[in-house]
Amino acid sequence: MLRILIADDHAVVRKGLKQILVDEFKEIQVEEVTDAEQMINAVMDSKWDMVISDIHMPGRSGLDALKQIRHVYPNLPILILSLHSEDHYAIRVLKAGASGYLSKDSAADDLVTAVQRILSGKKYFSSDVVEKLIKTMGADESKLAYEYLSNREFDVMGHLASGKSVSEIAEMLSLSVATISTYRSRILAKTGLKSNSDLTRYAMENHLI
């Protein structure tokens, strides 16, 4: 019996993914969770053949959860989903240990192909992502400012750019206000920006939100 865990805060997305998988695989059990904490708990409590996770969910991000899961289950296949283009997220999730990256607007056939490929022990990324990864290995000078952010800084930047306050982010991520303020300072320093409104504009211009 194939067991797959889906983590996404949108019920419609979860149901759609589940239906695609059930239609394709004859013997399959698909369970659903709505945020990163539930995903981590489910992974720790049971055995899964694969996890499919959104990158942005309430509270901790799927990317943050990916890193924690990787420490305990380094070989568990994890496919990351996102509304955002591969250009901005695929390289980051690949380096974080994901088995693949798929845009949510991809066709149903792409999901099935990604799942089959990952379950066979391979990774699923477009040829464009692989080419970009090869180029970035020896071309750090071409990196954009946000690519120098750590995964946590990148996550916090997304929340700040979306209009959340430091205290709101601290509560969501179960961190202190002082810690989030430190992350904010680092983000501004690395990107050369001055304010949250600058972050919002920058994130929109680079299609990060």
C-alpha atoms as a PDB file:
ATOM      1  CA  MET A   1       0.000   0.000   0.000  1.00  0.00           C
ATOM      2  CA  LEU A   2       1.444   3.332  -1.111  1.00  0.00           C
ATOM      3  CA  ARG A   3       1.118   5.966   1.624  1.00  0.00           C
ATOM      4  CA  ILE A   4       1.378   9.658   0.723  1.00  0.00           C
ATOM      5  CA  LEU A   5       0.976  12.660   3.009  1.00  0.00           C
ATOM      6  CA  ILE A   6      -0.276  15.960   1.562  1.00  0.00           C
ATOM      7  CA  ALA A   7       0.363  19.216   3.440  1.00  0.00           C
ATOM      8  CA  ASP A   8      -1.459  22.318   2.199  1.00  0.00           C
ATOM      9  CA  ASP A   9      -3.637  24.918   3.905  1.00  0.00           C
ATOM     10  CA  HIS A  10      -6.132  25.040   1.029  1.00  0.00           C
ATOM     11  CA  ALA A  11      -8.760  22.301   1.138  1.00  0.00           C
ATOM     12  CA  VAL A  12      -9.473  22.561  -2.595  1.00  0.00           C
ATOM     13  CA  VAL A  13      -5.816  21.993  -3.434  1.00  0.00           C
ATOM     14  CA  ARG A  14      -5.568  18.994  -1.083  1.00  0.00           C
ATOM     15  CA  LYS A  15      -8.703  17.412  -2.509  1.00  0.00           C
ATOM     16  CA  GLY A  16      -7.532  17.983  -6.065  1.00  0.00           C
ATOM     17  CA  LEU A  17      -4.115  16.453  -5.443  1.00  0.00           C
ATOM     18  CA  LYS A  18      -5.672  13.515  -3.626  1.00  0.00           C
ATOM     19  CA  GLN A  19      -8.095  12.818  -6.459  1.00  0.00           C
ATOM     20  CA  ILE A  20      -5.310  12.845  -9.051  1.00  0.00           C
ATOM     21  CA  LEU A  21      -3.277  10.376  -6.987  1.00  0.00           C
ATOM     22  CA  VAL A  22      -6.222   8.069  -6.231  1.00  0.00           C
ATOM     23  CA  ASP A  23      -7.171   7.981  -9.902  1.00  0.00           C
ATOM     24  CA  GLU A  24      -3.625   7.049 -10.951  1.00  0.00           C
ATOM     25  CA  PHE A  25      -2.490   4.616  -8.246  1.00  0.00           C
ATOM     26  CA  LYS A  26      -4.668   1.606  -7.475  1.00  0.00           C
ATOM     27  CA  GLU A  27      -3.453   0.819  -3.968  1.00  0.00           C
ATOM     28  CA  ILE A  28      -2.864   4.126  -2.219  1.00  0.00           C
ATOM     29  CA  GLN A  29      -3.658   5.797   1.079  1.00  0.00           C
ATOM     30  CA  VAL A  30      -3.567   9.603   1.076  1.00  0.00           C
ATOM     31  CA  GLU A  31      -3.754  11.621   4.281  1.00  0.00           C
ATOM     32  CA  GLU A  32      -4.062  15.393   4.582  1.00  0.00           C
ATOM     33  CA  VAL A  33      -2.702  18.015   7.000  1.00  0.00           C
ATOM     34  CA  THR A  34      -3.079  21.783   6.885  1.00  0.00           C
ATOM     35  CA  ASP A  35       0.212  23.214   8.129  1.00  0.00           C
ATOM     36  CA  ALA A  36       3.898  22.490   8.672  1.00  0.00           C
ATOM     37  CA  GLU A  37       3.582  21.519  12.334  1.00  0.00           C
ATOM     38  CA  GLN A  38       0.925  18.932  11.537  1.00  0.00           C
ATOM     39  CA  MET A  39       3.105  17.640   8.721  1.00  0.00           C
ATOM     40  CA  ILE A  40       6.104  17.221  11.009  1.00  0.00           C
ATOM     41  CA  ASN A  41       3.993  15.450  13.634  1.00  0.00           C
ATOM     42  CA  ALA A  42       2.463  13.130  11.048  1.00  0.00           C
ATOM     43  CA  VAL A  43       5.884  12.236   9.647  1.00  0.00           C
ATOM     44  CA  MET A  44       7.217  11.500  13.122  1.00  0.00           C
ATOM     45  CA  ASP A  45       4.175   9.428  14.100  1.00  0.00           C
ATOM     46  CA  SER A  46       3.832   7.202  11.041  1.00  0.00           C
ATOM     47  CA  LYS A  47       5.665   5.784   8.038  1.00  0.00           C
ATOM     48  CA  TRP A  48       5.170   7.421   4.645  1.00  0.00           C
ATOM     49  CA  ASP A  49       6.383   6.596   1.166  1.00  0.00           C
ATOM     50  CA  MET A  50       6.258  10.248   0.154  1.00  0.00           C
ATOM     51  CA  VAL A  51       5.298  13.723   1.353  1.00  0.00           C
ATOM     52  CA  ILE A  52       3.848  16.437  -0.887  1.00  0.00           C
ATOM     53  CA  SER A  53       4.032  19.855   0.750  1.00  0.00           C
ATOM     54  CA  ASP A  54       3.141  23.429  -0.063  1.00  0.00           C
ATOM     55  CA  ILE A  55       6.031  25.828   0.498  1.00  0.00           C
ATOM     56  CA  HIS A  56       3.879  28.548   2.123  1.00  0.00           C
ATOM     57  CA  MET A  57       1.486  27.614   4.927  1.00  0.00           C
ATOM     58  CA  PRO A  58       0.334  29.308   8.129  1.00  0.00           C
ATOM     59  CA  GLY A  59       3.075  29.323  10.754  1.00  0.00           C
ATOM     60  CA  ARG A  60       6.268  27.617   9.686  1.00  0.00           C
ATOM     61  CA  SER A  61       6.978  27.269   5.994  1.00  0.00           C
ATOM     62  CA  GLY A  62       7.190  23.989   4.158  1.00  0.00           C
ATOM     63  CA  LEU A  63      10.851  24.749   3.539  1.00  0.00           C
ATOM     64  CA  ASP A  64      11.512  25.082   7.257  1.00  0.00           C
ATOM     65  CA  ALA A  65       9.672  21.829   7.945  1.00  0.00           C
ATOM     66  CA  LEU A  66      11.647  20.143   5.170  1.00  0.00           C
ATOM     67  CA  LYS A  67      14.909  20.914   6.934  1.00  0.00           C
ATOM     68  CA  GLN A  68      13.665  19.474  10.239  1.00  0.00           C
ATOM     69  CA  ILE A  69      12.314  16.317   8.621  1.00  0.00           C
ATOM     70  CA  ARG A  70      15.563  15.824   6.724  1.00  0.00           C
ATOM     71  CA  HIS A  71      17.469  15.588  10.023  1.00  0.00           C
ATOM     72  CA  VAL A  72      15.378  12.597  11.121  1.00  0.00           C
ATOM     73  CA  TYR A  73      14.427  11.015   7.799  1.00  0.00           C
ATOM     74  CA  PRO A  74      17.116  11.977   5.268  1.00  0.00           C
ATOM     75  CA  ASN A  75      15.778   9.563   2.639  1.00  0.00           C
ATOM     76  CA  LEU A  76      12.051  10.356   2.828  1.00  0.00           C
ATOM     77  CA  PRO A  77      10.919  11.606  -0.623  1.00  0.00           C
ATOM     78  CA  ILE A  78       9.474  15.120  -0.369  1.00  0.00           C
ATOM     79  CA  LEU A  79       7.910  16.988  -3.288  1.00  0.00           C
ATOM     80  CA  ILE A  80       7.494  20.734  -2.767  1.00  0.00           C
ATOM     81  CA  LEU A  81       4.608  22.619  -4.388  1.00  0.00           C
ATOM     82  CA  SER A  82       4.306  26.367  -4.913  1.00  0.00           C
ATOM     83  CA  LEU A  83       2.339  28.997  -6.773  1.00  0.00           C
ATOM     84  CA  HIS A  84       5.625  30.718  -7.531  1.00  0.00           C
ATOM     85  CA  SER A  85       7.836  30.094 -10.527  1.00  0.00           C
ATOM     86  CA  GLU A  86      10.738  27.683 -10.452  1.00  0.00           C
ATOM     87  CA  ASP A  87      13.171  30.539 -11.039  1.00  0.00           C
ATOM     88  CA  HIS A  88      12.816  31.824  -7.477  1.00  0.00           C
ATOM     89  CA  TYR A  89      12.221  28.744  -5.344  1.00  0.00           C
ATOM     90  CA  ALA A  90      13.331  25.520  -7.009  1.00  0.00           C
ATOM     91  CA  ILE A  91      17.057  26.016  -6.435  1.00  0.00           C
ATOM     92  CA  ARG A  92      16.450  26.843  -2.782  1.00  0.00           C
ATOM     93  CA  VAL A  93      14.296  23.772  -2.116  1.00  0.00           C
ATOM     94  CA  LEU A  94      16.700  21.551  -4.039  1.00  0.00           C
ATOM     95  CA  LYS A  95      19.595  22.693  -1.870  1.00  0.00           C
ATOM     96  CA  ALA A  96      17.421  22.169   1.222  1.00  0.00           C
ATOM     97  CA  GLY A  97      17.029  18.506   0.312  1.00  0.00           C
ATOM     98  CA  ALA A  98      13.722  18.302  -1.540  1.00  0.00           C
ATOM     99  CA  SER A  99      13.186  15.462  -3.982  1.00  0.00           C
ATOM    100  CA  GLY A 100      11.416  17.713  -6.441  1.00  0.00           C
ATOM    101  CA  TYR A 101       9.625  20.974  -7.115  1.00  0.00           C
ATOM    102  CA  LEU A 102       6.345  21.469  -8.937  1.00  0.00           C
ATOM    103  CA  SER A 103       4.332  24.585  -9.669  1.00  0.00           C
ATOM    104  CA  LYS A 104       0.688  24.342  -8.620  1.00  0.00           C
ATOM    105  CA  ASP A 105      -0.456  25.445 -12.048  1.00  0.00           C
ATOM    106  CA  SER A 106       1.172  22.406 -13.642  1.00  0.00           C
ATOM    107  CA  ALA A 107      -1.049  19.910 -15.386  1.00  0.00           C
ATOM    108  CA  ALA A 108      -2.241  16.770 -13.616  1.00  0.00           C
ATOM    109  CA  ASP A 109       0.086  14.675 -15.765  1.00  0.00           C
ATOM    110  CA  ASP A 110       3.038  16.590 -14.361  1.00  0.00           C
ATOM    111  CA  LEU A 111       2.096  15.646 -10.799  1.00  0.00           C
ATOM    112  CA  VAL A 112       1.796  11.977 -11.704  1.00  0.00           C
ATOM    113  CA  THR A 113       5.130  12.083 -13.539  1.00  0.00           C
ATOM    114  CA  ALA A 114       6.804  13.826 -10.601  1.00  0.00           C
ATOM    115  CA  VAL A 115       5.464  11.309  -8.090  1.00  0.00           C
ATOM    116  CA  GLN A 116       6.434   8.309 -10.223  1.00  0.00           C
ATOM    117  CA  ARG A 117       9.904   9.662 -10.825  1.00  0.00           C
ATOM    118  CA  ILE A 118      10.537  10.487  -7.166  1.00  0.00           C
ATOM    119  CA  LEU A 119       9.208   7.137  -5.953  1.00  0.00           C
ATOM    120  CA  SER A 120      11.662   5.446  -8.329  1.00  0.00           C
ATOM    121  CA  GLY A 121      14.501   7.111  -6.439  1.00  0.00           C
ATOM    122  CA  LYS A 122      15.098  10.016  -8.797  1.00  0.00           C
ATOM    123  CA  LYS A 123      14.517  13.757  -8.469  1.00  0.00           C
ATOM    124  CA  TYR A 124      12.000  15.855 -10.351  1.00  0.00           C
ATOM    125  CA  PHE A 125      13.055  19.297 -11.549  1.00  0.00           C
ATOM    126  CA  SER A 126      12.692  20.911 -14.922  1.00  0.00           C
ATOM    127  CA  SER A 127      15.685  21.057 -17.245  1.00  0.00           C
ATOM    128  CA  ASP A 128      15.712  24.849 -16.783  1.00  0.00           C
ATOM    129  CA  VAL A 129      16.233  24.433 -13.030  1.00  0.00           C
ATOM    130  CA  VAL A 130      19.047  21.937 -13.502  1.00  0.00           C
ATOM    131  CA  GLU A 131      20.752  24.267 -15.983  1.00  0.00           C
ATOM    132  CA  LYS A 132      20.431  27.201 -13.601  1.00  0.00           C
ATOM    133  CA  LEU A 133      21.849  25.167 -10.724  1.00  0.00           C
ATOM    134  CA  ILE A 134      24.894  24.225 -12.776  1.00  0.00           C
ATOM    135  CA  LYS A 135      25.469  27.866 -13.690  1.00  0.00           C
ATOM    136  CA  THR A 136      25.172  29.116 -10.113  1.00  0.00           C
ATOM    137  CA  MET A 137      27.779  26.667  -8.838  1.00  0.00           C
ATOM    138  CA  GLY A 138      30.547  28.792 -10.284  1.00  0.00           C
ATOM    139  CA  ALA A 139      28.900  32.171 -10.677  1.00  0.00           C
ATOM    140  CA  ASP A 140      28.138  33.626  -7.268  1.00  0.00           C
ATOM    141  CA  GLU A 141      28.594  37.122  -8.619  1.00  0.00           C
ATOM    142  CA  SER A 142      25.400  36.690 -10.634  1.00  0.00           C
ATOM    143  CA  LYS A 143      23.259  35.894  -7.596  1.00  0.00           C
ATOM    144  CA  LEU A 144      20.416  38.224  -6.719  1.00  0.00           C
ATOM    145  CA  ALA A 145      20.327  39.776  -3.251  1.00  0.00           C
ATOM    146  CA  TYR A 146      17.543  37.537  -1.924  1.00  0.00           C
ATOM    147  CA  GLU A 147      19.537  34.429  -2.886  1.00  0.00           C
ATOM    148  CA  TYR A 148      22.040  35.283  -0.138  1.00  0.00           C
ATOM    149  CA  LEU A 149      19.341  35.009   2.537  1.00  0.00           C
ATOM    150  CA  SER A 150      19.225  31.937   4.743  1.00  0.00           C
ATOM    151  CA  ASN A 151      16.070  29.846   4.524  1.00  0.00           C
ATOM    152  CA  ARG A 152      14.785  31.359   7.769  1.00  0.00           C
ATOM    153  CA  GLU A 153      15.563  34.894   6.590  1.00  0.00           C
ATOM    154  CA  PHE A 154      13.860  34.136   3.292  1.00  0.00           C
ATOM    155  CA  ASP A 155      10.781  32.917   5.149  1.00  0.00           C
ATOM    156  CA  VAL A 156      10.675  35.977   7.403  1.00  0.00           C
ATOM    157  CA  MET A 157      11.127  38.273   4.405  1.00  0.00           C
ATOM    158  CA  GLY A 158       8.060  36.739   2.793  1.00  0.00           C
ATOM    159  CA  HIS A 159       5.963  37.408   5.878  1.00  0.00           C
ATOM    160  CA  LEU A 160       7.244  40.980   6.211  1.00  0.00           C
ATOM    161  CA  ALA A 161       6.628  41.664   2.533  1.00  0.00           C
ATOM    162  CA  SER A 162       3.084  40.330   2.934  1.00  0.00           C
ATOM    163  CA  GLY A 163       2.368  42.983   5.553  1.00  0.00           C
ATOM    164  CA  LYS A 164       2.747  41.004   8.766  1.00  0.00           C
ATOM    165  CA  SER A 165       4.230  42.725  11.807  1.00  0.00           C
ATOM    166  CA  VAL A 166       7.301  41.532  13.686  1.00  0.00           C
ATOM    167  CA  SER A 167       5.123  40.415  16.609  1.00  0.00           C
ATOM    168  CA  GLU A 168       2.753  38.513  14.316  1.00  0.00           C
ATOM    169  CA  ILE A 169       5.640  36.703  12.665  1.00  0.00           C
ATOM    170  CA  ALA A 170       7.186  35.903  16.044  1.00  0.00           C
ATOM    171  CA  GLU A 171       3.936  34.277  17.163  1.00  0.00           C
ATOM    172  CA  MET A 172       3.526  32.345  13.902  1.00  0.00           C
ATOM    173  CA  LEU A 173       7.058  30.951  14.009  1.00  0.00           C
ATOM    174  CA  SER A 174       7.187  30.475  17.808  1.00  0.00           C
ATOM    175  CA  LEU A 175      10.176  32.784  18.091  1.00  0.00           C
ATOM    176  CA  SER A 176      10.821  35.904  20.154  1.00  0.00           C
ATOM    177  CA  VAL A 177      10.140  39.388  18.839  1.00  0.00           C
ATOM    178  CA  ALA A 178      13.823  40.177  19.332  1.00  0.00           C
ATOM    179  CA  THR A 179      14.826  37.228  17.129  1.00  0.00           C
ATOM    180  CA  ILE A 180      12.487  38.292  14.330  1.00  0.00           C
ATOM    181  CA  SER A 181      13.769  41.864  14.605  1.00  0.00           C
ATOM    182  CA  THR A 182      17.304  40.525  14.199  1.00  0.00           C
ATOM    183  CA  TYR A 183      16.260  38.597  11.102  1.00  0.00           C
ATOM    184  CA  ARG A 184      14.605  41.735   9.733  1.00  0.00           C
ATOM    185  CA  SER A 185      17.813  43.725  10.223  1.00  0.00           C
ATOM    186  CA  ARG A 186      19.849  41.045   8.444  1.00  0.00           C
ATOM    187  CA  ILE A 187      17.383  40.921   5.576  1.00  0.00           C
ATOM    188  CA  LEU A 188      17.493  44.677   5.080  1.00  0.00           C
ATOM    189  CA  ALA A 189      21.286  44.666   5.247  1.00  0.00           C
ATOM    190  CA  LYS A 190      21.680  41.841   2.728  1.00  0.00           C
ATOM    191  CA  THR A 191      19.153  43.269   0.281  1.00  0.00           C
ATOM    192  CA  GLY A 192      20.200  46.896   0.706  1.00  0.00           C
ATOM    193  CA  LEU A 193      16.615  47.922   1.459  1.00  0.00           C
ATOM    194  CA  LYS A 194      15.451  50.386   4.094  1.00  0.00           C
ATOM    195  CA  SER A 195      11.896  49.519   5.153  1.00  0.00           C
ATOM    196  CA  ASN A 196       9.107  46.968   5.062  1.00  0.00           C
ATOM    197  CA  SER A 197       7.461  48.828   2.194  1.00  0.00           C
ATOM    198  CA  ASP A 198      10.725  48.500   0.260  1.00  0.00           C
ATOM    199  CA  LEU A 199      10.666  44.750   1.013  1.00  0.00           C
ATOM    200  CA  THR A 200       7.115  44.479  -0.282  1.00  0.00           C
ATOM    201  CA  ARG A 201       7.979  46.257  -3.516  1.00  0.00           C
ATOM    202  CA  TYR A 202      11.165  44.221  -3.917  1.00  0.00           C
ATOM    203  CA  ALA A 203       9.335  40.932  -3.314  1.00  0.00           C
ATOM    204  CA  MET A 204       6.628  41.838  -5.815  1.00  0.00           C
ATOM    205  CA  GLU A 205       9.146  42.902  -8.452  1.00  0.00           C
ATOM    206  CA  ASN A 206      10.944  39.571  -8.082  1.00  0.00           C
ATOM    207  CA  HIS A 207       7.698  37.577  -7.940  1.00  0.00           C
ATOM    208  CA  LEU A 208       8.427  36.280  -4.433  1.00  0.00           C
ATOM    209  CA  ILE A 209       4.902  36.955  -3.141  1.00  0.00           C
END
